[in-house]
All heavy atoms as atom14 arrays in JSON, in Angstrom:
{
  "sequence": "ALLFGANPAAADIAAADAARAGDMQKLNFAEAMDLPKAELLDLEDGVH",
  "atom14_mask": [
    [1, 1, 1, 1, 1, 0, 0, 0, 0, 0, 0, 0, 0, 0],
    [1, 1, 1, 1, 1, 1, 1, 1, 0, 0, 0, 0, 0, 0],
    [1, 1, 1, 1, 1, 1, 1, 1, 0, 0, 0, 0, 0, 0],
    [1, 1, 1, 1, 1, 1, 1, 1, 1, 1, 1, 0, 0, 0],
    [1, 1, 1, 1, 0, 0, 0, 0, 0, 0, 0, 0, 0, 0],
    [1, 1, 1, 1, 1, 0, 0, 0, 0, 0, 0, 0, 0, 0],
    [1, 1, 1, 1, 1, 1, 1, 1, 0, 0, 0, 0, 0, 0],
    [1, 1, 1, 1, 1, 1, 1, 0, 0, 0, 0, 0, 0, 0],
    [1, 1, 1, 1, 1, 0, 0, 0, 0, 0, 0, 0, 0, 0],
    [1, 1, 1, 1, 1, 0, 0, 0, 0, 0, 0, 0, 0, 0],
    [1, 1, 1, 1, 1, 0, 0, 0, 0, 0, 0, 0, 0, 0],
    [1, 1, 1, 1, 1, 1, 1, 1, 0, 0, 0, 0, 0, 0],
    [1, 1, 1, 1, 1, 1, 1, 1, 0, 0, 0, 0, 0, 0],
    [1, 1, 1, 1, 1, 0, 0, 0, 0, 0, 0, 0, 0, 0],
    [1, 1, 1, 1, 1, 0, 0, 0, 0, 0, 0, 0, 0, 0],
    [1, 1, 1, 1, 1, 0, 0, 0, 0, 0, 0, 0, 0, 0],
    [1, 1, 1, 1, 1, 1, 1, 1, 0, 0, 0, 0, 0, 0],
    [1, 1, 1, 1, 1, 0, 0, 0, 0, 0, 0, 0, 0, 0],
    [1, 1, 1, 1, 1, 0, 0, 0, 0, 0, 0, 0, 0, 0],
    [1, 1, 1, 1, 1, 1, 1, 1, 1, 1, 1, 0, 0, 0],
    [1, 1, 1, 1, 1, 0, 0, 0, 0, 0, 0, 0, 0, 0],
    [1, 1, 1, 1, 0, 0, 0, 0, 0, 0, 0, 0, 0, 0],
    [1, 1, 1, 1, 1, 1, 1, 1, 0, 0, 0, 0, 0, 0],
    [1, 1, 1, 1, 1, 1, 1, 1, 0, 0, 0, 0, 0, 0],
    [1, 1, 1, 1, 1, 1, 1, 1, 1, 0, 0, 0, 0, 0],
    [1, 1, 1, 1, 1, 1, 1, 1, 1, 0, 0, 0, 0, 0],
    [1, 1, 1, 1, 1, 1, 1, 1, 0, 0, 0, 0, 0, 0],
    [1, 1, 1, 1, 1, 1, 1, 1, 0, 0, 0, 0, 0, 0],
    [1, 1, 1, 1, 1, 1, 1, 1, 1, 1, 1, 0, 0, 0],
    [1, 1, 1, 1, 1, 0, 0, 0, 0, 0, 0, 0, 0, 0],
    [1, 1, 1, 1, 1, 1, 1, 1, 1, 0, 0, 0, 0, 0],
    [1, 1, 1, 1, 1, 0, 0, 0, 0, 0, 0, 0, 0, 0],
    [1, 1, 1, 1, 1, 1, 1, 1, 0, 0, 0, 0, 0, 0],
    [1, 1, 1, 1, 1, 1, 1, 1, 0, 0, 0, 0, 0, 0],
    [1, 1, 1, 1, 1, 1, 1, 1, 0, 0, 0, 0, 0, 0],
    [1, 1, 1, 1, 1, 1, 1, 0, 0, 0, 0, 0, 0, 0],
    [1, 1, 1, 1, 1, 1, 1, 1, 1, 0, 0, 0, 0, 0],
    [1, 1, 1, 1, 1, 0, 0, 0, 0, 0, 0, 0, 0, 0],
    [1, 1, 1, 1, 1, 1, 1, 1, 1, 0, 0, 0, 0, 0],
    [1, 1, 1, 1, 1, 1, 1, 1, 0, 0, 0, 0, 0, 0],
    [1, 1, 1, 1, 1, 1, 1, 1, 0, 0, 0, 0, 0, 0],
    [1, 1, 1, 1, 1, 1, 1, 1, 0, 0, 0, 0, 0, 0],
    [1, 1, 1, 1, 1, 1, 1, 1, 0, 0, 0, 0, 0, 0],
    [1, 1, 1, 1, 1, 1, 1, 1, 1, 0, 0, 0, 0, 0],
    [1, 1, 1, 1, 1, 1, 1, 1, 0, 0, 0, 0, 0, 0],
    [1, 1, 1, 1, 0, 0, 0, 0, 0, 0, 0, 0, 0, 0],
    [1, 1, 1, 1, 1, 1, 1, 0, 0, 0, 0, 0, 0, 0],
    [1, 1, 1, 1, 1, 1, 1, 1, 1, 1, 0, 0, 0, 0]
  ],
  "atom14_positions": [
    [[0.83, -1.21, 0.0], [0.01, 0.0, -0.01], [0.87, 1.26, 0.0], [0.6, 2.21, -0.72], [-0.93, 0.0, 1.21], [0.0, 0.0, 0.0], [0.0, 0.0, 0.0], [0.0, 0.0, 0.0], [0.0, 0.0, 0.0], [0.0, 0.0, 0.0], [0.0, 0.0, 0.0], [0.0, 0.0, 0.0], [0.0, 0.0, 0.0], [0.0, 0.0, 0.0]],
    [[1.93, 1.25, 0.8], [2.83, 2.4, 0.82], [3.52, 2.58, -0.52], [3.66, 3.69, -1.04], [3.86, 2.25, 1.94], [3.33, 2.4, 3.36], [4.4, 2.02, 4.37], [2.86, 3.82, 3.6], [0.0, 0.0, 0.0], [0.0, 0.0, 0.0], [0.0, 0.0, 0.0], [0.0, 0.0, 0.0], [0.0, 0.0, 0.0], [0.0, 0.0, 0.0]],
    [[3.98, 1.47, -1.09], [4.64, 1.52, -2.39], [3.72, 2.11, -3.45], [4.07, 3.01, -4.17], [5.11, 0.13, -2.82], [5.65, 0.02, -4.25], [6.98, 0.75, -4.36], [5.81, -1.44, -4.62], [0.0, 0.0, 0.0], [0.0, 0.0, 0.0], [0.0, 0.0, 0.0], [0.0, 0.0, 0.0], [0.0, 0.0, 0.0], [0.0, 0.0, 0.0]],
    [[2.5, 1.57, -3.54], [1.58, 2.02, -4.57], [1.07, 3.42, -4.29], [0.82, 4.19, -5.22], [0.42, 1.04, -4.74], [0.85, -0.26, -5.35], [0.14, -1.41, -5.08], [1.93, -0.35, -6.19], [0.5, -2.62, -5.66], [2.31, -1.53, -6.77], [1.59, -2.69, -6.49], [0.0, 0.0, 0.0], [0.0, 0.0, 0.0], [0.0, 0.0, 0.0]],
    [[0.94, 3.78, -3.02], [0.51, 5.14, -2.69], [1.55, 6.18, -3.05], [1.24, 7.29, -3.43], [0.0, 0.0, 0.0], [0.0, 0.0, 0.0], [0.0, 0.0, 0.0], [0.0, 0.0, 0.0], [0.0, 0.0, 0.0], [0.0, 0.0, 0.0], [0.0, 0.0, 0.0], [0.0, 0.0, 0.0], [0.0, 0.0, 0.0], [0.0, 0.0, 0.0]],
    [[2.83, 5.79, -2.99], [3.9, 6.71, -3.33], [4.24, 6.72, -4.81], [4.93, 7.59, -5.28], [5.14, 6.32, -2.53], [0.0, 0.0, 0.0], [0.0, 0.0, 0.0], [0.0, 0.0, 0.0], [0.0, 0.0, 0.0], [0.0, 0.0, 0.0], [0.0, 0.0, 0.0], [0.0, 0.0, 0.0], [0.0, 0.0, 0.0], [0.0, 0.0, 0.0]],
    [[3.74, 5.74, -5.52], [4.09, 5.61, -6.93], [2.83, 5.37, -7.74], [2.37, 4.24, -7.9], [5.05, 4.43, -7.08], [5.57, 4.3, -8.49], [5.03, 4.86, -9.44], [6.66, 3.54, -8.64], [0.0, 0.0, 0.0], [0.0, 0.0, 0.0], [0.0, 0.0, 0.0], [0.0, 0.0, 0.0], [0.0, 0.0, 0.0], [0.0, 0.0, 0.0]],
    [[2.23, 6.44, -8.3], [0.99, 6.29, -9.05], [1.09, 5.31, -10.22], [0.15, 4.6, -10.5], [0.67, 7.7, -9.53], [1.43, 8.61, -8.64], [2.64, 7.83, -8.19], [0.0, 0.0, 0.0], [0.0, 0.0, 0.0], [0.0, 0.0, 0.0], [0.0, 0.0, 0.0], [0.0, 0.0, 0.0], [0.0, 0.0, 0.0], [0.0, 0.0, 0.0]],
    [[2.24, 5.28, -10.9], [2.39, 4.35, -12.01], [2.31, 2.91, -11.52], [1.68, 2.06, -12.14], [3.71, 4.59, -12.75], [0.0, 0.0, 0.0], [0.0, 0.0, 0.0], [0.0, 0.0, 0.0], [0.0, 0.0, 0.0], [0.0, 0.0, 0.0], [0.0, 0.0, 0.0], [0.0, 0.0, 0.0], [0.0, 0.0, 0.0], [0.0, 0.0, 0.0]],
    [[2.92, 2.63, -10.38], [2.85, 1.28, -9.82], [1.41, 0.96, -9.41], [0.96, -0.18, -9.54], [3.78, 1.14, -8.62], [0.0, 0.0, 0.0], [0.0, 0.0, 0.0], [0.0, 0.0, 0.0], [0.0, 0.0, 0.0], [0.0, 0.0, 0.0], [0.0, 0.0, 0.0], [0.0, 0.0, 0.0], [0.0, 0.0, 0.0], [0.0, 0.0, 0.0]],
    [[0.69, 1.97, -8.89], [-0.71, 1.75, -8.53], [-1.54, 1.41, -9.77], [-2.42, 0.55, -9.71], [-1.26, 2.99, -7.83], [0.0, 0.0, 0.0], [0.0, 0.0, 0.0], [0.0, 0.0, 0.0], [0.0, 0.0, 0.0], [0.0, 0.0, 0.0], [0.0, 0.0, 0.0], [0.0, 0.0, 0.0], [0.0, 0.0, 0.0], [0.0, 0.0, 0.0]],
    [[-1.27, 2.1, -10.87], [-1.98, 1.81, -12.12], [-1.72, 0.37, -12.56], [-2.61, -0.33, -13.01], [-1.57, 2.77, -13.22], [-1.99, 4.21, -12.94], [-2.84, 4.42, -12.07], [-1.45, 5.11, -13.6], [0.0, 0.0, 0.0], [0.0, 0.0, 0.0], [0.0, 0.0, 0.0], [0.0, 0.0, 0.0], [0.0, 0.0, 0.0], [0.0, 0.0, 0.0]],
    [[-0.48, -0.07, -12.45], [-0.11, -1.43, -12.84], [-0.77, -2.44, -11.91], [-1.29, -3.45, -12.37], [1.42, -1.58, -12.89], [1.95, -0.79, -14.09], [1.82, -3.04, -12.98], [3.44, -0.68, -14.15], [0.0, 0.0, 0.0], [0.0, 0.0, 0.0], [0.0, 0.0, 0.0], [0.0, 0.0, 0.0], [0.0, 0.0, 0.0], [0.0, 0.0, 0.0]],
    [[-0.81, -2.13, -10.62], [-1.47, -3.04, -9.68], [-2.96, -3.16, -10.01], [-3.54, -4.25, -9.97], [-1.29, -2.55, -8.26], [0.0, 0.0, 0.0], [0.0, 0.0, 0.0], [0.0, 0.0, 0.0], [0.0, 0.0, 0.0], [0.0, 0.0, 0.0], [0.0, 0.0, 0.0], [0.0, 0.0, 0.0], [0.0, 0.0, 0.0], [0.0, 0.0, 0.0]],
    [[-3.58, -2.06, -10.34], [-4.99, -2.08, -10.7], [-5.22, -2.85, -12.0], [-6.17, -3.63, -12.12], [-5.55, -0.65, -10.85], [0.0, 0.0, 0.0], [0.0, 0.0, 0.0], [0.0, 0.0, 0.0], [0.0, 0.0, 0.0], [0.0, 0.0, 0.0], [0.0, 0.0, 0.0], [0.0, 0.0, 0.0], [0.0, 0.0, 0.0], [0.0, 0.0, 0.0]],
    [[-4.33, -2.67, -12.97], [-4.45, -3.41, -14.23], [-4.23, -4.89, -14.02], [-4.94, -5.71, -14.58], [-3.43, -2.86, -15.25], [0.0, 0.0, 0.0], [0.0, 0.0, 0.0], [0.0, 0.0, 0.0], [0.0, 0.0, 0.0], [0.0, 0.0, 0.0], [0.0, 0.0, 0.0], [0.0, 0.0, 0.0], [0.0, 0.0, 0.0], [0.0, 0.0, 0.0]],
    [[-3.27, -5.25, -13.18], [-3.01, -6.65, -12.87], [-4.23, -7.28, -12.2], [-4.64, -8.4, -12.54], [-1.78, -6.77, -11.97], [-1.31, -8.2, -11.78], [-1.43, -9.0, -12.72], [-0.84, -8.51, -10.68], [0.0, 0.0, 0.0], [0.0, 0.0, 0.0], [0.0, 0.0, 0.0], [0.0, 0.0, 0.0], [0.0, 0.0, 0.0], [0.0, 0.0, 0.0]],
    [[-4.87, -6.54, -11.31], [-6.05, -7.04, -10.63], [-7.24, -7.18, -11.56], [-8.14, -7.99, -11.3], [-6.41, -6.11, -9.46], [0.0, 0.0, 0.0], [0.0, 0.0, 0.0], [0.0, 0.0, 0.0], [0.0, 0.0, 0.0], [0.0, 0.0, 0.0], [0.0, 0.0, 0.0], [0.0, 0.0, 0.0], [0.0, 0.0, 0.0], [0.0, 0.0, 0.0]],
    [[-7.26, -6.43, -12.66], [-8.38, -6.44, -13.6], [-8.29, -7.58, -14.62], [-9.21, -7.75, -15.42], [-8.47, -5.1, -14.33], [0.0, 0.0, 0.0], [0.0, 0.0, 0.0], [0.0, 0.0, 0.0], [0.0, 0.0, 0.0], [0.0, 0.0, 0.0], [0.0, 0.0, 0.0], [0.0, 0.0, 0.0], [0.0, 0.0, 0.0], [0.0, 0.0, 0.0]],
    [[-7.22, -8.36, -14.61], [-7.04, -9.39, -15.63], [-8.12, -10.47, -15.54], [-8.4, -10.99, -14.48], [-5.67, -10.07, -15.49], [-4.53, -9.12, -15.82], [-3.16, -9.78, -15.67], [-3.04, -10.5, -14.42], [-2.63, -11.77, -14.34], [-2.3, -12.44, -15.41], [-2.53, -12.36, -13.17], [0.0, 0.0, 0.0], [0.0, 0.0, 0.0], [0.0, 0.0, 0.0]],
    [[-8.71, -10.77, -16.69], [-9.7, -11.85, -16.81], [-9.66, -12.33, -18.25], [-9.12, -11.66, -19.13], [-11.1, -11.33, -16.45], [0.0, 0.0, 0.0], [0.0, 0.0, 0.0], [0.0, 0.0, 0.0], [0.0, 0.0, 0.0], [0.0, 0.0, 0.0], [0.0, 0.0, 0.0], [0.0, 0.0, 0.0], [0.0, 0.0, 0.0], [0.0, 0.0, 0.0]],
    [[-10.26, -13.47, -18.52], [-10.3, -14.0, -19.9], [-8.92, -14.14, -20.47], [-7.99, -14.58, -19.81], [0.0, 0.0, 0.0], [0.0, 0.0, 0.0], [0.0, 0.0, 0.0], [0.0, 0.0, 0.0], [0.0, 0.0, 0.0], [0.0, 0.0, 0.0], [0.0, 0.0, 0.0], [0.0, 0.0, 0.0], [0.0, 0.0, 0.0], [0.0, 0.0, 0.0]],
    [[-8.76, -13.73, -21.74], [-7.46, -13.78, -22.41], [-6.39, -12.99, -21.67], [-5.2, -13.29, -21.75], [-7.56, -13.18, -23.82], [-8.05, -14.16, -24.85], [-8.23, -15.36, -24.52], [-8.26, -13.72, -26.01], [0.0, 0.0, 0.0], [0.0, 0.0, 0.0], [0.0, 0.0, 0.0], [0.0, 0.0, 0.0], [0.0, 0.0, 0.0], [0.0, 0.0, 0.0]],
    [[-6.8, -11.97, -20.94], [-5.83, -11.12, -20.26], [-5.15, -11.83, -19.09], [-4.18, -11.34, -18.55], [-6.48, -9.83, -19.79], [-6.93, -8.93, -20.93], [-5.58, -8.4, -22.01], [-5.85, -9.39, -23.47], [0.0, 0.0, 0.0], [0.0, 0.0, 0.0], [0.0, 0.0, 0.0], [0.0, 0.0, 0.0], [0.0, 0.0, 0.0], [0.0, 0.0, 0.0]],
    [[-5.63, -13.01, -18.72], [-4.93, -13.78, -17.68], [-3.57, -14.24, -18.18], [-2.7, -14.58, -17.38], [-5.78, -14.96, -17.23], [-7.0, -14.51, -16.45], [-7.9, -15.66, -16.05], [-7.65, -16.82, -16.36], [-8.95, -15.35, -15.32], [0.0, 0.0, 0.0], [0.0, 0.0, 0.0], [0.0, 0.0, 0.0], [0.0, 0.0, 0.0], [0.0, 0.0, 0.0]],
    [[-3.36, -14.24, -19.49], [-2.06, -14.58, -20.06], [-1.08, -13.41, -20.01], [0.1, -13.59, -20.28], [-2.21, -15.04, -21.53], [-3.06, -16.26, -21.72], [-3.05, -16.74, -23.17], [-3.78, -15.82, -24.11], [-3.88, -16.31, -25.5], [0.0, 0.0, 0.0], [0.0, 0.0, 0.0], [0.0, 0.0, 0.0], [0.0, 0.0, 0.0], [0.0, 0.0, 0.0]],
    [[-1.58, -12.22, -19.67], [-0.75, -11.02, -19.59], [-0.02, -11.03, -18.26], [-0.64, -11.08, -17.21], [-1.63, -9.77, -19.72], [-0.93, -8.43, -19.72], [-0.03, -8.28, -20.95], [-1.96, -7.3, -19.69], [0.0, 0.0, 0.0], [0.0, 0.0, 0.0], [0.0, 0.0, 0.0], [0.0, 0.0, 0.0], [0.0, 0.0, 0.0], [0.0, 0.0, 0.0]],
    [[1.31, -10.99, -18.33], [2.11, -11.06, -17.11], [2.78, -9.71, -16.86], [3.57, -9.23, -17.68], [3.19, -12.14, -17.26], [2.59, -13.51, -17.35], [1.86, -13.93, -16.45], [2.85, -14.2, -18.43], [0.0, 0.0, 0.0], [0.0, 0.0, 0.0], [0.0, 0.0, 0.0], [0.0, 0.0, 0.0], [0.0, 0.0, 0.0], [0.0, 0.0, 0.0]],
    [[2.45, -9.11, -15.72], [3.08, -7.84, -15.31], [4.35, -8.16, -14.56], [4.45, -9.15, -13.87], [2.11, -7.04, -14.43], [1.01, -6.37, -15.2], [-0.19, -7.03, -15.39], [1.2, -5.14, -15.77], [-1.21, -6.42, -16.11], [0.19, -4.53, -16.51], [-1.01, -5.18, -16.67], [0.0, 0.0, 0.0], [0.0, 0.0, 0.0], [0.0, 0.0, 0.0]],
    [[5.33, -7.28, -14.7], [6.61, -7.43, -14.02], [7.17, -6.06, -13.71], [6.64, -5.03, -14.16], [7.58, -8.23, -14.9], [0.0, 0.0, 0.0], [0.0, 0.0, 0.0], [0.0, 0.0, 0.0], [0.0, 0.0, 0.0], [0.0, 0.0, 0.0], [0.0, 0.0, 0.0], [0.0, 0.0, 0.0], [0.0, 0.0, 0.0], [0.0, 0.0, 0.0]],
    [[8.26, -6.03, -12.98], [8.93, -4.77, -12.66], [9.36, -4.11, -13.98], [9.81, -4.77, -14.91], [10.16, -5.05, -11.8], [10.83, -3.8, -11.3], [11.95, -4.11, -10.32], [11.83, -5.1, -9.59], [12.92, -3.34, -10.3], [0.0, 0.0, 0.0], [0.0, 0.0, 0.0], [0.0, 0.0, 0.0], [0.0, 0.0, 0.0], [0.0, 0.0, 0.0]],
    [[9.22, -2.79, -14.03], [9.57, -2.05, -15.25], [11.0, -2.34, -15.65], [11.91, -2.35, -14.82], [9.37, -0.56, -15.02], [0.0, 0.0, 0.0], [0.0, 0.0, 0.0], [0.0, 0.0, 0.0], [0.0, 0.0, 0.0], [0.0, 0.0, 0.0], [0.0, 0.0, 0.0], [0.0, 0.0, 0.0], [0.0, 0.0, 0.0], [0.0, 0.0, 0.0]],
    [[11.18, -2.6, -16.95], [12.5, -2.98, -17.48], [12.81, -2.12, -18.7], [11.98, -2.0, -19.61], [12.47, -4.46, -17.84], [13.76, -5.0, -18.35], [13.75, -6.8, -18.54], [12.28, -7.08, -19.5], [0.0, 0.0, 0.0], [0.0, 0.0, 0.0], [0.0, 0.0, 0.0], [0.0, 0.0, 0.0], [0.0, 0.0, 0.0], [0.0, 0.0, 0.0]],
    [[14.0, -1.54, -18.71], [14.44, -0.74, -19.87], [14.53, -1.66, -21.08], [14.86, -2.84, -20.97], [15.78, -0.08, -19.59], [15.68, 1.02, -18.58], [14.59, 1.64, -18.45], [16.68, 1.28, -17.87], [0.0, 0.0, 0.0], [0.0, 0.0, 0.0], [0.0, 0.0, 0.0], [0.0, 0.0, 0.0], [0.0, 0.0, 0.0], [0.0, 0.0, 0.0]],
    [[14.3, -1.06, -22.25], [14.38, -1.8, -23.51], [15.74, -1.64, -24.15], [16.39, -0.6, -24.0], [13.32, -1.31, -24.49], [11.87, -1.47, -24.07], [10.96, -0.91, -25.16], [11.55, -2.91, -23.81], [0.0, 0.0, 0.0], [0.0, 0.0, 0.0], [0.0, 0.0, 0.0], [0.0, 0.0, 0.0], [0.0, 0.0, 0.0], [0.0, 0.0, 0.0]],
    [[16.16, -2.64, -24.92], [17.39, -2.48, -25.67], [17.17, -1.46, -26.79], [16.05, -1.28, -27.27], [17.65, -3.88, -26.24], [16.33, -4.56, -26.21], [15.53, -3.96, -25.1], [0.0, 0.0, 0.0], [0.0, 0.0, 0.0], [0.0, 0.0, 0.0], [0.0, 0.0, 0.0], [0.0, 0.0, 0.0], [0.0, 0.0, 0.0], [0.0, 0.0, 0.0]],
    [[18.22, -0.79, -27.18], [18.13, 0.15, -28.29], [18.19, -0.63, -29.6], [18.96, -1.56, -29.76], [19.29, 1.14, -28.27], [19.3, 2.02, -27.03], [18.12, 2.92, -26.98], [18.15, 3.8, -25.72], [16.89, 4.39, -25.44], [0.0, 0.0, 0.0], [0.0, 0.0, 0.0], [0.0, 0.0, 0.0], [0.0, 0.0, 0.0], [0.0, 0.0, 0.0]],
    [[17.33, -0.27, -30.53], [17.31, -0.93, -31.84], [16.65, 0.0, -32.84], [15.76, 0.78, -32.49], [16.54, -2.25, -31.77], [0.0, 0.0, 0.0], [0.0, 0.0, 0.0], [0.0, 0.0, 0.0], [0.0, 0.0, 0.0], [0.0, 0.0, 0.0], [0.0, 0.0, 0.0], [0.0, 0.0, 0.0], [0.0, 0.0, 0.0], [0.0, 0.0, 0.0]],
    [[17.11, -0.09, -34.07], [16.5, 0.68, -35.14], [15.43, -0.18, -35.82], [15.65, -1.36, -36.09], [17.56, 1.06, -36.19], [18.52, 2.12, -35.68], [19.49, 2.58, -36.75], [19.6, 1.94, -37.82], [20.16, 3.59, -36.51], [0.0, 0.0, 0.0], [0.0, 0.0, 0.0], [0.0, 0.0, 0.0], [0.0, 0.0, 0.0], [0.0, 0.0, 0.0]],
    [[14.27, 0.44, -36.03], [13.17, -0.21, -36.71], [12.91, 0.56, -38.0], [13.15, 1.78, -38.04], [11.94, -0.24, -35.83], [12.11, -0.98, -34.5], [10.94, -0.72, -33.58], [12.28, -2.47, -34.75], [0.0, 0.0, 0.0], [0.0, 0.0, 0.0], [0.0, 0.0, 0.0], [0.0, 0.0, 0.0], [0.0, 0.0, 0.0], [0.0, 0.0, 0.0]],
    [[12.39, -0.1, -38.99], [12.12, 0.54, -40.28], [10.61, 0.65, -40.52], [9.86, -0.26, -40.15], [12.72, -0.29, -41.42], [14.22, -0.56, -41.33], [14.65, -1.48, -42.47], [15.0, 0.74, -41.36], [0.0, 0.0, 0.0], [0.0, 0.0, 0.0], [0.0, 0.0, 0.0], [0.0, 0.0, 0.0], [0.0, 0.0, 0.0], [0.0, 0.0, 0.0]],
    [[10.19, 1.76, -41.13], [8.8, 1.86, -41.55], [8.68, 1.23, -42.94], [9.65, 0.64, -43.47], [8.29, 3.3, -41.49], [9.04, 4.26, -42.4], [9.6, 3.84, -43.43], [9.04, 5.47, -42.07], [0.0, 0.0, 0.0], [0.0, 0.0, 0.0], [0.0, 0.0, 0.0], [0.0, 0.0, 0.0], [0.0, 0.0, 0.0], [0.0, 0.0, 0.0]],
    [[7.53, 1.34, -43.56], [7.32, 0.7, -44.86], [8.11, 1.36, -46.0], [8.29, 0.78, -47.05], [5.82, 0.69, -45.21], [4.96, -0.17, -44.29], [3.49, -0.08, -44.69], [5.43, -1.61, -44.24], [0.0, 0.0, 0.0], [0.0, 0.0, 0.0], [0.0, 0.0, 0.0], [0.0, 0.0, 0.0], [0.0, 0.0, 0.0], [0.0, 0.0, 0.0]],
    [[8.59, 2.58, -45.75], [9.4, 3.29, -46.76], [10.88, 3.26, -46.4], [11.67, 4.06, -46.9], [8.94, 4.74, -46.92], [7.57, 4.87, -47.58], [6.41, 4.65, -46.59], [6.54, 4.97, -45.39], [5.38, 4.13, -47.02], [0.0, 0.0, 0.0], [0.0, 0.0, 0.0], [0.0, 0.0, 0.0], [0.0, 0.0, 0.0], [0.0, 0.0, 0.0]],
    [[11.28, 2.38, -45.48], [12.66, 2.23, -45.0], [13.15, 3.4, -44.16], [14.35, 3.54, -43.94], [13.64, 1.95, -46.15], [13.44, 0.59, -46.78], [12.97, -0.33, -46.07], [13.72, 0.43, -47.98], [0.0, 0.0, 0.0], [0.0, 0.0, 0.0], [0.0, 0.0, 0.0], [0.0, 0.0, 0.0], [0.0, 0.0, 0.0], [0.0, 0.0, 0.0]],
    [[12.25, 4.23, -43.66], [12.64, 5.29, -42.7], [13.0, 4.62, -41.38], [12.37, 3.65, -40.97], [0.0, 0.0, 0.0], [0.0, 0.0, 0.0], [0.0, 0.0, 0.0], [0.0, 0.0, 0.0], [0.0, 0.0, 0.0], [0.0, 0.0, 0.0], [0.0, 0.0, 0.0], [0.0, 0.0, 0.0], [0.0, 0.0, 0.0], [0.0, 0.0, 0.0]],
    [[13.99, 5.18, -40.7], [14.48, 4.61, -39.44], [13.74, 5.22, -38.26], [13.55, 6.45, -38.19], [16.0, 4.84, -39.32], [16.53, 4.3, -37.99], [16.74, 4.19, -40.49], [0.0, 0.0, 0.0], [0.0, 0.0, 0.0], [0.0, 0.0, 0.0], [0.0, 0.0, 0.0], [0.0, 0.0, 0.0], [0.0, 0.0, 0.0], [0.0, 0.0, 0.0]],
    [[13.32, 4.34, -37.33], [12.57, 4.76, -36.15], [13.08, 4.02, -34.92], [13.8, 3.04, -35.03], [11.08, 4.48, -36.3], [10.47, 5.23, -37.44], [9.96, 6.51, -37.28], [10.3, 4.91, -38.75], [9.5, 6.92, -38.46], [9.7, 5.98, -39.35], [0.0, 0.0, 0.0], [0.0, 0.0, 0.0], [0.0, 0.0, 0.0], [0.0, 0.0, 0.0]]
  ]
}
């Protein structure tokens, strides 16, 4: 309660985790993790 009260984003994740039903039971929440850097291409080969 203290953690989620001090961190609104964590509270949102806790609420979303609690709301899982149906197909969403396959959705696994975890501690926020940084993503690796990578270049992605659009349909015209633009870099994003």
